[in-house]
Amino acid sequence: MNPKQLRPWWLRKRVLFALAFPIAIGLAVIIAFLNSDGSKVVVYNMTGHTLPPLLIQACGQSRTFTTLDDQGSVCFMLKPTGQPSPVHLALAKDPPWTWEGQSIKPHGGMSVTIRIWSDNQVEAYQDVSWWRQWLK
């Protein structure tokens, strides 16, 4: 006997794939949408040398990164708690260096990208996740 004749129609590969594919795509879209609500701060080192320990503060949260290599980057994912506040950077060097920039919310898909150039010049961009822009 042919094994395909023994299987019911709903257990055949073509039917299972046709049912599983849209379900998998739907789940991926839902997961991506839920993850798009998180906010983050990304800092790039473009100074030409290694940076000393870097402190990033935003929305009542803080994180210290030990060193940041030249052309390297760090990402600080914010927890969805706290109030909107400006992003604050501090480098542990002599004399101490600090920078305060754009305001960020701890949720809403916000992203602040900061580049530290030589002579401690700072370039910052703020963006919102395209999922969140689409829903506004």
C-alpha atoms as a PDB file:
ATOM      1  CA  MET A   1       0.000   0.000   0.000  1.00  0.00           C
ATOM      2  CA  ASN A   2       1.024   3.556  -0.620  1.00  0.00           C
ATOM      3  CA  PRO A   3       1.731   5.384   2.705  1.00  0.00           C
ATOM      4  CA  LYS A   4       0.121   8.584   1.372  1.00  0.00           C
ATOM      5  CA  GLN A   5      -3.170   6.787   1.109  1.00  0.00           C
ATOM      6  CA  LEU A   6      -3.048   5.914   4.808  1.00  0.00           C
ATOM      7  CA  ARG A   7      -2.585   9.503   6.060  1.00  0.00           C
ATOM      8  CA  PRO A   8      -5.589  11.793   6.420  1.00  0.00           C
ATOM      9  CA  TRP A   9      -5.526  14.953   4.259  1.00  0.00           C
ATOM     10  CA  TRP A  10      -4.772  17.297   7.190  1.00  0.00           C
ATOM     11  CA  LEU A  11      -1.539  15.465   8.000  1.00  0.00           C
ATOM     12  CA  ARG A  12      -0.001  15.780   4.548  1.00  0.00           C
ATOM     13  CA  LYS A  13       3.096  17.977   4.218  1.00  0.00           C
ATOM     14  CA  ARG A  14       1.524  20.425   1.793  1.00  0.00           C
ATOM     15  CA  VAL A  15      -1.412  21.077   4.082  1.00  0.00           C
ATOM     16  CA  LEU A  16       0.722  21.344   7.220  1.00  0.00           C
ATOM     17  CA  PHE A  17       3.136  23.776   5.557  1.00  0.00           C
ATOM     18  CA  ALA A  18       0.287  25.874   4.188  1.00  0.00           C
ATOM     19  CA  LEU A  19      -1.182  26.140   7.695  1.00  0.00           C
ATOM     20  CA  ALA A  20       2.071  26.552   9.622  1.00  0.00           C
ATOM     21  CA  PHE A  21       3.633  29.247   7.405  1.00  0.00           C
ATOM     22  CA  PRO A  22       1.016  32.007   7.993  1.00  0.00           C
ATOM     23  CA  ILE A  23       0.894  31.172  11.686  1.00  0.00           C
ATOM     24  CA  ALA A  24       4.709  31.462  11.962  1.00  0.00           C
ATOM     25  CA  ILE A  25       4.710  34.787  10.076  1.00  0.00           C
ATOM     26  CA  GLY A  26       1.951  36.113  12.338  1.00  0.00           C
ATOM     27  CA  LEU A  27       3.851  35.118  15.470  1.00  0.00           C
ATOM     28  CA  ALA A  28       7.036  36.757  14.159  1.00  0.00           C
ATOM     29  CA  VAL A  29       5.145  40.002  13.490  1.00  0.00           C
ATOM     30  CA  ILE A  30       3.609  39.977  16.979  1.00  0.00           C
ATOM     31  CA  ILE A  31       6.983  39.337  18.657  1.00  0.00           C
ATOM     32  CA  ALA A  32       8.674  42.078  16.611  1.00  0.00           C
ATOM     33  CA  PHE A  33       5.900  44.534  17.493  1.00  0.00           C
ATOM     34  CA  LEU A  34       6.121  43.787  21.214  1.00  0.00           C
ATOM     35  CA  ASN A  35       9.922  44.142  21.191  1.00  0.00           C
ATOM     36  CA  SER A  36       9.733  47.460  19.320  1.00  0.00           C
ATOM     37  CA  ASP A  37       8.429  49.213  22.440  1.00  0.00           C
ATOM     38  CA  GLY A  38      11.827  49.182  24.154  1.00  0.00           C
ATOM     39  CA  SER A  39      14.116  52.216  24.049  1.00  0.00           C
ATOM     40  CA  LYS A  40      17.886  52.204  23.766  1.00  0.00           C
ATOM     41  CA  VAL A  41      20.974  54.394  23.787  1.00  0.00           C
ATOM     42  CA  VAL A  42      23.838  53.452  21.448  1.00  0.00           C
ATOM     43  CA  VAL A  43      27.251  55.122  21.837  1.00  0.00           C
ATOM     44  CA  TYR A  44      29.981  54.901  19.178  1.00  0.00           C
ATOM     45  CA  ASN A  45      33.640  55.727  19.849  1.00  0.00           C
ATOM     46  CA  MET A  46      35.063  57.629  16.869  1.00  0.00           C
ATOM     47  CA  THR A  47      37.883  59.364  18.769  1.00  0.00           C
ATOM     48  CA  GLY A  48      40.792  57.359  17.396  1.00  0.00           C
ATOM     49  CA  HIS A  49      41.737  55.933  20.799  1.00  0.00           C
ATOM     50  CA  THR A  50      40.256  53.786  23.568  1.00  0.00           C
ATOM     51  CA  LEU A  51      37.898  55.600  25.925  1.00  0.00           C
ATOM     52  CA  PRO A  52      38.080  55.181  29.722  1.00  0.00           C
ATOM     53  CA  PRO A  53      35.055  53.865  31.655  1.00  0.00           C
ATOM     54  CA  LEU A  54      31.831  55.359  30.309  1.00  0.00           C
ATOM     55  CA  LEU A  55      28.727  56.037  32.398  1.00  0.00           C
ATOM     56  CA  ILE A  56      25.358  56.331  30.624  1.00  0.00           C
ATOM     57  CA  GLN A  57      22.336  57.639  32.556  1.00  0.00           C
ATOM     58  CA  ALA A  58      18.778  58.011  31.285  1.00  0.00           C
ATOM     59  CA  CYS A  59      15.269  57.722  32.773  1.00  0.00           C
ATOM     60  CA  GLY A  60      16.585  57.098  36.284  1.00  0.00           C
ATOM     61  CA  GLN A  61      18.691  54.158  35.070  1.00  0.00           C
ATOM     62  CA  SER A  62      22.436  53.963  34.652  1.00  0.00           C
ATOM     63  CA  ARG A  63      25.058  51.603  33.329  1.00  0.00           C
ATOM     64  CA  THR A  64      28.855  51.743  33.305  1.00  0.00           C
ATOM     65  CA  PHE A  65      30.930  50.255  30.499  1.00  0.00           C
ATOM     66  CA  THR A  66      34.563  49.524  31.415  1.00  0.00           C
ATOM     67  CA  THR A  67      36.339  50.629  28.235  1.00  0.00           C
ATOM     68  CA  LEU A  68      35.260  51.419  24.719  1.00  0.00           C
ATOM     69  CA  ASP A  69      37.691  50.565  21.931  1.00  0.00           C
ATOM     70  CA  ASP A  70      38.221  52.833  18.939  1.00  0.00           C
ATOM     71  CA  GLN A  71      35.484  52.266  16.328  1.00  0.00           C
ATOM     72  CA  GLY A  72      33.594  50.256  18.962  1.00  0.00           C
ATOM     73  CA  SER A  73      30.082  50.724  20.275  1.00  0.00           C
ATOM     74  CA  VAL A  74      27.939  49.939  23.307  1.00  0.00           C
ATOM     75  CA  CYS A  75      24.174  49.609  23.598  1.00  0.00           C
ATOM     76  CA  PHE A  76      22.182  50.424  26.739  1.00  0.00           C
ATOM     77  CA  MET A  77      18.680  48.928  26.602  1.00  0.00           C
ATOM     78  CA  LEU A  78      16.337  50.838  28.918  1.00  0.00           C
ATOM     79  CA  LYS A  79      13.846  49.042  31.111  1.00  0.00           C
ATOM     80  CA  PRO A  80      10.269  50.337  30.624  1.00  0.00           C
ATOM     81  CA  THR A  81      10.263  52.068  34.013  1.00  0.00           C
ATOM     82  CA  GLY A  82      11.001  55.620  35.010  1.00  0.00           C
ATOM     83  CA  GLN A  83      10.242  59.058  33.639  1.00  0.00           C
ATOM     84  CA  PRO A  84      11.531  60.663  30.438  1.00  0.00           C
ATOM     85  CA  SER A  85      14.862  62.391  30.951  1.00  0.00           C
ATOM     86  CA  PRO A  86      17.873  63.600  28.969  1.00  0.00           C
ATOM     87  CA  VAL A  87      20.683  61.197  28.155  1.00  0.00           C
ATOM     88  CA  HIS A  88      23.749  61.891  30.300  1.00  0.00           C
ATOM     89  CA  LEU A  89      27.251  60.626  29.471  1.00  0.00           C
ATOM     90  CA  ALA A  90      30.305  60.812  31.723  1.00  0.00           C
ATOM     91  CA  LEU A  91      33.871  59.672  31.087  1.00  0.00           C
ATOM     92  CA  ALA A  92      36.196  58.855  33.972  1.00  0.00           C
ATOM     93  CA  LYS A  93      39.205  60.908  32.949  1.00  0.00           C
ATOM     94  CA  ASP A  94      41.113  63.882  34.261  1.00  0.00           C
ATOM     95  CA  PRO A  95      39.475  66.394  34.082  1.00  0.00           C
ATOM     96  CA  PRO A  96      36.062  64.670  34.214  1.00  0.00           C
ATOM     97  CA  TRP A  97      34.064  64.934  30.992  1.00  0.00           C
ATOM     98  CA  THR A  98      30.255  65.009  30.915  1.00  0.00           C
ATOM     99  CA  TRP A  99      27.646  65.532  28.222  1.00  0.00           C
ATOM    100  CA  GLU A 100      23.878  65.871  28.422  1.00  0.00           C
ATOM    101  CA  GLY A 101      21.747  65.500  25.337  1.00  0.00           C
ATOM    102  CA  GLN A 102      18.322  64.791  24.011  1.00  0.00           C
ATOM    103  CA  SER A 103      15.456  63.574  26.137  1.00  0.00           C
ATOM    104  CA  ILE A 104      14.353  59.956  25.835  1.00  0.00           C
ATOM    105  CA  LYS A 105      11.361  57.986  27.130  1.00  0.00           C
ATOM    106  CA  PRO A 106      11.960  54.537  28.651  1.00  0.00           C
ATOM    107  CA  HIS A 107       9.397  53.019  26.272  1.00  0.00           C
ATOM    108  CA  GLY A 108       7.858  53.874  22.919  1.00  0.00           C
ATOM    109  CA  GLY A 109      10.572  52.508  20.647  1.00  0.00           C
ATOM    110  CA  MET A 110      12.897  55.473  20.978  1.00  0.00           C
ATOM    111  CA  SER A 111      16.549  55.164  20.020  1.00  0.00           C
ATOM    112  CA  VAL A 112      19.314  57.698  20.622  1.00  0.00           C
ATOM    113  CA  THR A 113      22.525  57.215  18.645  1.00  0.00           C
ATOM    114  CA  ILE A 114      25.559  59.106  19.954  1.00  0.00           C
ATOM    115  CA  ARG A 115      28.946  59.396  18.281  1.00  0.00           C
ATOM    116  CA  ILE A 116      31.890  60.720  20.283  1.00  0.00           C
ATOM    117  CA  TRP A 117      34.434  62.276  17.913  1.00  0.00           C
ATOM    118  CA  SER A 118      37.971  63.452  18.605  1.00  0.00           C
ATOM    119  CA  ASP A 119      38.321  66.539  20.833  1.00  0.00           C
ATOM    120  CA  ASN A 120      35.217  65.220  22.685  1.00  0.00           C
ATOM    121  CA  GLN A 121      32.809  66.566  20.070  1.00  0.00           C
ATOM    122  CA  VAL A 122      29.448  64.781  20.270  1.00  0.00           C
ATOM    123  CA  GLU A 123      26.950  64.075  17.514  1.00  0.00           C
ATOM    124  CA  ALA A 124      23.534  62.709  18.549  1.00  0.00           C
ATOM    125  CA  TYR A 125      20.495  61.495  16.619  1.00  0.00           C
ATOM    126  CA  GLN A 126      17.110  60.472  17.918  1.00  0.00           C
ATOM    127  CA  ASP A 127      14.806  58.068  16.108  1.00  0.00           C
ATOM    128  CA  VAL A 128      11.595  56.149  16.763  1.00  0.00           C
ATOM    129  CA  SER A 129      10.977  52.544  15.703  1.00  0.00           C
ATOM    130  CA  TRP A 130       9.120  52.400  12.386  1.00  0.00           C
ATOM    131  CA  TRP A 131       6.560  50.117  14.027  1.00  0.00           C
ATOM    132  CA  ARG A 132       5.723  52.881  16.489  1.00  0.00           C
ATOM    133  CA  GLN A 133       5.756  55.587  13.793  1.00  0.00           C
ATOM    134  CA  TRP A 134       3.328  53.546  11.731  1.00  0.00           C
ATOM    135  CA  LEU A 135       0.898  53.211  14.647  1.00  0.00           C
ATOM    136  CA  LYS A 136       0.843  56.920  15.529  1.00  0.00           C
END
